[in-house]
Amino acid sequence: GVEVLAPNVLISSNDIDDIADGWGIAVTHADARRYNIVGNRIQDLSLVTVPALYGIYVTAGDGIIANNVIDDADLNYGICVEYNAGAPIANISIEGNNITGDGGIALMNKAAGTNISDCSVRGNHIYGVGGNEGIFVQASVVNAILVDVSIEGNHIRTGGNGAAISSASATQRCERCVIMNNCFYSVGGGTKAFVISAS
């Protein structure tokens, strides 16, 4: 696949398929700031011996992910923003993407602290063919927080829940989230259009 290791990078109008990295495009380096991932086609990533997890995988930086076509029924999520360590992830715009996969878009904070903030998920078309969520926002460890997440104007059709915000306790939370003007349709039997869960 393509990996972003420097700031001010434009990745545009590429066809990416049949690779063995676990993702099509990855932003994983602390220096990867102000990137633009625009207008790419990512498809058929999963090989028999190396299943792909994500079409676009982000663990660092700030940037724009827009107008990409991601088509692979075996992907866990078409786009995943996941914080594990390092500098916080902020100012990510995910807009106008067309995604076909097991799940659509995931924002996951897997470390203590306010590590994901100011993320916009807007105007995406998501066609889920499996059981994962169309849009999934999760704080998965103690004191993990996501702040200022906007989910607006997305069209979601999925076999799992349309969208979900998930946390395990009061110390794991998503603050100041806006969910508006989304269209959830033809979700699978026994699933919900939108779920907010905490225990």
Protein backbone atom coordinates (compact mmCIF):
# COMPACT_ATOMS: atom_id res chain seq x y z
CA GLY A 1 0.00 0.00 0.00
CA VAL A 2 0.92 3.66 0.45
CA GLU A 3 2.30 4.92 3.77
CA VAL A 4 2.54 8.61 4.72
CA LEU A 5 5.74 9.44 6.66
CA ALA A 6 6.10 13.20 6.07
CA PRO A 7 4.03 16.42 6.33
CA ASN A 8 2.15 18.19 3.54
CA VAL A 9 1.54 15.08 1.42
CA LEU A 10 -1.11 14.76 -1.30
CA ILE A 11 -2.23 11.25 -2.28
CA SER A 12 -4.73 11.56 -5.10
CA SER A 13 -6.28 9.63 -8.00
CA ASN A 14 -4.54 6.30 -7.37
CA ASP A 15 -5.87 2.77 -7.89
CA ILE A 16 -4.76 0.52 -5.03
CA ASP A 17 -5.59 -3.18 -4.93
CA ASP A 18 -4.26 -6.69 -4.22
CA ILE A 19 -1.74 -5.73 -1.56
CA ALA A 20 -0.54 -7.50 1.57
CA ASP A 21 -0.05 -4.69 4.10
CA GLY A 22 -3.36 -4.92 5.96
CA TRP A 23 -4.43 -1.51 4.58
CA GLY A 24 -4.50 0.45 1.35
CA ILE A 25 -3.24 3.84 2.64
CA ALA A 26 -1.76 4.34 6.10
CA VAL A 27 -0.85 7.48 8.08
CA THR A 28 1.21 6.16 11.00
CA HIS A 29 4.18 8.50 11.50
CA ALA A 30 4.24 11.41 13.97
CA ASP A 31 5.56 13.73 11.23
CA ALA A 32 2.57 13.02 8.96
CA ARG A 33 0.69 16.31 9.34
CA ARG A 34 -1.60 18.25 7.00
CA TYR A 35 -2.06 15.37 4.57
CA ASN A 36 -4.69 15.15 1.84
CA ILE A 37 -5.97 11.72 0.79
CA VAL A 38 -8.37 12.53 -2.01
CA GLY A 39 -10.04 10.75 -4.91
CA ASN A 40 -8.37 7.34 -4.63
CA ARG A 41 -9.92 3.97 -5.48
CA ILE A 42 -9.04 1.23 -3.00
CA GLN A 43 -10.41 -2.24 -3.67
CA ASP A 44 -9.89 -5.99 -3.33
CA LEU A 45 -7.21 -5.64 -0.65
CA SER A 46 -7.74 -8.93 1.14
CA LEU A 47 -5.48 -11.71 0.01
CA VAL A 48 -5.99 -15.32 1.03
CA THR A 49 -2.99 -15.34 3.38
CA VAL A 50 -3.08 -11.69 4.57
CA PRO A 51 -6.54 -10.32 5.33
CA ALA A 52 -6.74 -6.53 5.07
CA LEU A 53 -8.29 -4.67 8.02
CA TYR A 54 -8.80 -1.12 6.71
CA GLY A 55 -8.89 0.72 3.41
CA ILE A 56 -7.41 3.89 4.98
CA TYR A 57 -5.75 3.60 8.41
CA VAL A 58 -4.77 6.68 10.46
CA THR A 59 -2.88 6.67 13.77
CA ALA A 60 -1.33 10.15 13.64
CA GLY A 61 -1.55 13.65 12.28
CA ASP A 62 -4.25 15.93 10.95
CA GLY A 63 -5.66 16.09 7.46
CA ILE A 64 -8.41 15.52 4.93
CA ILE A 65 -9.74 12.16 3.70
CA ALA A 66 -12.23 12.93 0.96
CA ASN A 67 -13.94 11.55 -2.14
CA ASN A 68 -12.26 8.15 -2.00
CA VAL A 69 -13.94 4.95 -3.21
CA ILE A 70 -13.22 1.96 -0.95
CA ASP A 71 -14.67 -1.37 -2.02
CA ASP A 72 -13.75 -4.59 -0.22
CA ALA A 73 -16.37 -6.72 1.51
CA ASP A 74 -13.75 -8.22 3.86
CA LEU A 75 -12.53 -4.96 5.43
CA ASN A 76 -13.30 -4.42 9.12
CA TYR A 77 -13.79 -0.71 8.37
CA GLY A 78 -13.24 1.27 5.20
CA ILE A 79 -11.62 4.13 7.15
CA CYS A 80 -10.21 3.78 10.67
CA VAL A 81 -8.77 6.58 12.84
CA GLU A 82 -7.17 4.83 15.83
CA TYR A 83 -5.12 6.36 18.62
CA ASN A 84 -2.68 4.11 20.49
CA ALA A 85 0.26 6.36 21.49
CA GLY A 86 2.16 9.50 20.54
CA ALA A 87 0.81 12.97 19.76
CA PRO A 88 -2.98 13.37 19.89
CA ILE A 89 -4.95 13.13 16.66
CA ALA A 90 -6.91 16.28 15.84
CA ASN A 91 -8.55 18.13 12.96
CA ILE A 92 -9.43 15.20 10.73
CA SER A 93 -12.05 15.71 8.03
CA ILE A 94 -13.61 12.56 6.52
CA GLU A 95 -15.98 13.70 3.80
CA GLY A 96 -17.67 12.45 0.64
CA ASN A 97 -16.20 8.95 0.64
CA ASN A 98 -18.00 5.93 -0.82
CA ILE A 99 -17.35 2.81 1.26
CA THR A 100 -18.42 -0.79 0.76
CA GLY A 101 -17.13 -3.15 3.44
CA ASP A 102 -17.97 -5.06 6.60
CA GLY A 103 -18.07 -1.67 8.38
CA GLY A 104 -17.76 1.97 7.35
CA ILE A 105 -15.82 4.50 9.45
CA ALA A 106 -14.31 4.03 12.92
CA LEU A 107 -12.85 6.55 15.41
CA MET A 108 -11.21 4.68 18.30
CA ASN A 109 -9.25 6.06 21.27
CA LYS A 110 -7.27 3.19 22.81
CA ALA A 111 -5.22 5.15 25.37
CA ALA A 112 -5.95 7.38 28.38
CA GLY A 113 -6.36 11.08 27.64
CA THR A 114 -8.13 13.35 25.17
CA ASN A 115 -6.38 11.86 22.18
CA ILE A 116 -8.90 12.33 19.36
CA SER A 117 -10.59 15.70 18.84
CA ASP A 118 -12.16 17.96 16.24
CA CYS A 119 -13.14 15.23 13.79
CA SER A 120 -15.76 15.74 11.10
CA VAL A 121 -17.47 12.76 9.45
CA ARG A 122 -19.71 14.28 6.82
CA GLY A 123 -21.47 13.38 3.58
CA ASN A 124 -20.14 9.83 3.28
CA HIS A 125 -22.03 6.98 1.60
CA ILE A 126 -21.54 3.71 3.47
CA TYR A 127 -22.79 0.33 2.29
CA GLY A 128 -22.06 -2.27 4.94
CA VAL A 129 -22.26 -5.91 3.95
CA GLY A 130 -21.32 -7.38 7.32
CA GLY A 131 -22.08 -6.92 10.99
CA ASN A 132 -19.88 -3.93 11.87
CA GLU A 133 -21.25 -0.42 12.31
CA GLY A 134 -21.59 2.12 9.56
CA ILE A 135 -19.92 4.70 11.85
CA PHE A 136 -18.29 3.58 15.11
CA VAL A 137 -16.94 5.94 17.81
CA GLN A 138 -15.27 4.25 20.78
CA ALA A 139 -13.31 5.13 23.91
CA SER A 140 -12.01 1.70 24.86
CA VAL A 141 -9.82 2.15 27.98
CA VAL A 142 -10.09 4.01 31.30
CA ASN A 143 -9.89 7.81 30.92
CA ALA A 144 -9.96 7.63 27.13
CA ILE A 145 -11.87 10.63 25.73
CA LEU A 146 -12.92 11.84 22.29
CA VAL A 147 -13.96 15.50 21.98
CA ASP A 148 -15.82 17.50 19.32
CA VAL A 149 -16.85 14.80 16.89
CA SER A 150 -19.36 15.79 14.23
CA ILE A 151 -21.35 13.13 12.33
CA GLU A 152 -23.49 14.89 9.75
CA GLY A 153 -25.24 14.20 6.47
CA ASN A 154 -24.05 10.62 5.99
CA HIS A 155 -26.04 7.93 4.13
CA ILE A 156 -25.63 4.58 5.82
CA ARG A 157 -26.90 1.16 4.84
CA THR A 158 -25.41 -1.66 6.89
CA GLY A 159 -26.00 -5.11 8.30
CA GLY A 160 -24.87 -3.89 11.73
CA ASN A 161 -25.94 -0.81 13.66
CA GLY A 162 -26.07 2.31 11.51
CA ALA A 163 -23.88 4.27 13.94
CA ALA A 164 -22.70 3.69 17.50
CA ILE A 165 -20.93 5.62 20.25
CA SER A 166 -19.56 3.10 22.72
CA SER A 167 -17.81 3.35 26.09
CA ALA A 168 -17.48 1.04 29.07
CA SER A 169 -17.63 3.55 31.95
CA ALA A 170 -18.12 7.20 32.87
CA THR A 171 -14.36 7.79 32.49
CA GLN A 172 -14.47 6.62 28.89
CA ARG A 173 -16.52 9.04 26.89
CA CYS A 174 -17.18 11.12 23.82
CA GLU A 175 -17.82 14.78 24.67
CA ARG A 176 -19.56 17.40 22.54
CA CYS A 177 -20.62 15.04 19.77
CA VAL A 178 -23.04 16.29 17.13
CA ILE A 179 -25.14 13.75 15.23
CA MET A 180 -27.53 15.31 12.73
CA ASN A 181 -29.09 15.00 9.26
CA ASN A 182 -27.91 11.43 8.69
CA CYS A 183 -29.91 8.88 6.70
CA PHE A 184 -29.97 5.34 8.06
CA TYR A 185 -31.77 2.79 5.91
CA SER A 186 -32.19 -0.93 5.36
CA VAL A 187 -30.26 -1.87 8.46
CA GLY A 188 -30.20 -5.59 9.22
CA GLY A 189 -32.72 -7.39 11.39
CA GLY A 190 -32.25 -6.82 15.11
CA THR A 191 -29.95 -3.81 14.65
CA LYS A 192 -30.50 -0.12 15.39
CA ALA A 193 -30.14 3.00 13.29
CA PHE A 194 -28.15 4.68 16.08
CA VAL A 195 -26.86 3.43 19.44
CA ILE A 196 -25.27 5.29 22.38
CA SER A 197 -24.02 2.85 25.01
CA ALA A 198 -22.17 3.20 28.33
CA SER A 199 -22.03 1.09 31.46
